[in-house]
C-alpha atoms as a PDB file:
ATOM      1  CA  MET A   1       6.765   2.308 -17.121  1.00  0.00           C
ATOM      2  CA  ASP A   2       6.266   5.241 -18.352  1.00  0.00           C
ATOM      3  CA  MET A   3       6.799   8.050 -16.148  1.00  0.00           C
ATOM      4  CA  GLU A   4       3.111   9.614 -16.368  1.00  0.00           C
ATOM      5  CA  ASP A   5       2.438   5.761 -15.033  1.00  0.00           C
ATOM      6  CA  LEU A   6       4.908   6.507 -12.074  1.00  0.00           C
ATOM      7  CA  LYS A   7       3.447   9.944 -11.060  1.00  0.00           C
ATOM      8  CA  LYS A   8      -0.265   8.779 -11.330  1.00  0.00           C
ATOM      9  CA  LYS A   9       0.896   5.820  -9.024  1.00  0.00           C
ATOM     10  CA  PHE A  10       2.770   8.154  -6.641  1.00  0.00           C
ATOM     11  CA  TRP A  11       0.019  10.057  -6.058  1.00  0.00           C
ATOM     12  CA  VAL A  12      -2.196   7.223  -5.473  1.00  0.00           C
ATOM     13  CA  TYR A  13       0.109   5.950  -3.116  1.00  0.00           C
ATOM     14  CA  LEU A  14      -0.033   9.120  -0.983  1.00  0.00           C
ATOM     15  CA  ILE A  15      -3.510   9.943  -1.241  1.00  0.00           C
ATOM     16  CA  LEU A  16      -4.223   6.348   0.110  1.00  0.00           C
ATOM     17  CA  THR A  17      -0.924   6.590   2.983  1.00  0.00           C
ATOM     18  CA  ILE A  18      -2.175   9.612   4.731  1.00  0.00           C
ATOM     19  CA  PRO A  19      -5.236   8.175   6.272  1.00  0.00           C
ATOM     20  CA  ILE A  20      -2.558   5.424   7.749  1.00  0.00           C
ATOM     21  CA  ILE A  21      -0.141   7.769   9.019  1.00  0.00           C
ATOM     22  CA  ILE A  22      -3.592   9.969  10.920  1.00  0.00           C
ATOM     23  CA  LEU A  23      -5.294   6.911  12.120  1.00  0.00           C
ATOM     24  CA  SER A  24      -2.015   4.633  13.310  1.00  0.00           C
ATOM     25  CA  PRO A  25      -0.589   4.800  16.718  1.00  0.00           C
ATOM     26  CA  MET A  26       2.894   5.700  16.488  1.00  0.00           C
ATOM     27  CA  MET A  27       4.646   2.898  18.834  1.00  0.00           C
ATOM     28  CA  GLY A  28       3.285   5.182  21.993  1.00  0.00           C
ATOM     29  CA  MET A  29       3.858   8.472  20.930  1.00  0.00           C
ATOM     30  CA  GLU A  30       0.921  10.788  21.579  1.00  0.00           C
ATOM     31  CA  MET A  31       0.752  13.177  18.320  1.00  0.00           C
ATOM     32  CA  LEU A  32      -1.686  16.135  17.955  1.00  0.00           C
ATOM     33  CA  PHE A  33      -3.295  14.623  15.170  1.00  0.00           C
ATOM     34  CA  GLN A  34      -3.919  11.419  15.418  1.00  0.00           C
ATOM     35  CA  ILE A  35      -7.346   9.992  15.173  1.00  0.00           C
ATOM     36  CA  THR A  36      -8.840   6.929  16.974  1.00  0.00           C
ATOM     37  CA  PHE A  37     -12.404   5.272  16.679  1.00  0.00           C
ATOM     38  CA  PRO A  38     -14.088   2.145  17.176  1.00  0.00           C
ATOM     39  CA  GLY A  39     -13.261   0.162  13.786  1.00  0.00           C
ATOM     40  CA  SER A  40     -10.259   2.361  12.722  1.00  0.00           C
ATOM     41  CA  TYR A  41      -7.812  -0.479  12.608  1.00  0.00           C
ATOM     42  CA  TRP A  42     -10.073  -2.463  10.081  1.00  0.00           C
ATOM     43  CA  ILE A  43      -9.767   0.908   7.999  1.00  0.00           C
ATOM     44  CA  ILE A  44      -6.207   0.685   8.085  1.00  0.00           C
ATOM     45  CA  LEU A  45      -6.154  -2.987   7.758  1.00  0.00           C
ATOM     46  CA  VAL A  46      -7.951  -2.386   4.202  1.00  0.00           C
ATOM     47  CA  ILE A  47      -6.171   0.672   3.321  1.00  0.00           C
ATOM     48  CA  GLY A  48      -2.712  -1.155   3.482  1.00  0.00           C
ATOM     49  CA  THR A  49      -4.144  -4.317   1.972  1.00  0.00           C
ATOM     50  CA  ILE A  50      -5.177  -2.315  -1.121  1.00  0.00           C
ATOM     51  CA  LEU A  51      -1.407  -0.520  -1.151  1.00  0.00           C
ATOM     52  CA  TYR A  52       0.020  -3.950  -0.863  1.00  0.00           C
ATOM     53  CA  PHE A  53      -1.337  -5.298  -3.991  1.00  0.00           C
ATOM     54  CA  TYR A  54      -1.639  -2.354  -5.952  1.00  0.00           C
ATOM     55  CA  ARG A  55       1.878  -1.773  -5.627  1.00  0.00           C
ATOM     56  CA  GLY A  56       2.984  -5.341  -5.301  1.00  0.00           C
ATOM     57  CA  GLN A  57       1.259  -5.678  -8.691  1.00  0.00           C
ATOM     58  CA  SER A  58       4.458  -5.409 -11.153  1.00  0.00           C
ATOM     59  CA  PHE A  59       6.319  -7.630  -8.728  1.00  0.00           C
ATOM     60  CA  PHE A  60       3.689 -10.366  -8.821  1.00  0.00           C
ATOM     61  CA  ASN A  61       3.341 -10.394 -12.685  1.00  0.00           C
ATOM     62  CA  GLY A  62       7.192 -10.744 -12.565  1.00  0.00           C
ATOM     63  CA  ALA A  63       7.375 -13.365 -10.481  1.00  0.00           C
ATOM     64  CA  LYS A  64       4.515 -15.399 -11.945  1.00  0.00           C
ATOM     65  CA  THR A  65       6.480 -14.742 -15.523  1.00  0.00           C
ATOM     66  CA  GLY A  66       9.520 -16.172 -13.750  1.00  0.00           C
ATOM     67  CA  LEU A  67       7.882 -18.793 -12.629  1.00  0.00           C
ATOM     68  CA  LYS A  68       6.430 -19.891 -16.105  1.00  0.00           C
ATOM     69  CA  ILE A  69       9.827 -19.510 -17.349  1.00  0.00           C
ATOM     70  CA  GLU A  70      11.370 -21.992 -14.988  1.00  0.00           C
ATOM     71  CA  ASN A  71       8.752 -24.865 -14.990  1.00  0.00           C
ATOM     72  CA  LEU A  72       8.661 -24.609 -19.430  1.00  0.00           C
ATOM     73  CA  GLN A  73      12.560 -25.326 -18.777  1.00  0.00           C
END
């Protein structure tokens, strides 16, 4: 990976993480900028899933390659 790719991914992670922080309940703490509404948990779920698969893509590709090598031997 080159540095430009990492910078792009950083900004994507940051932009997708901010709504999760704002919409998530912080373990019982009342925060001034917390927003909740019906369905906000579904938005957190969708954004979190996108982040998981977007970030895990390199790990998944590495695991797939590793499993192919193991199966060939």
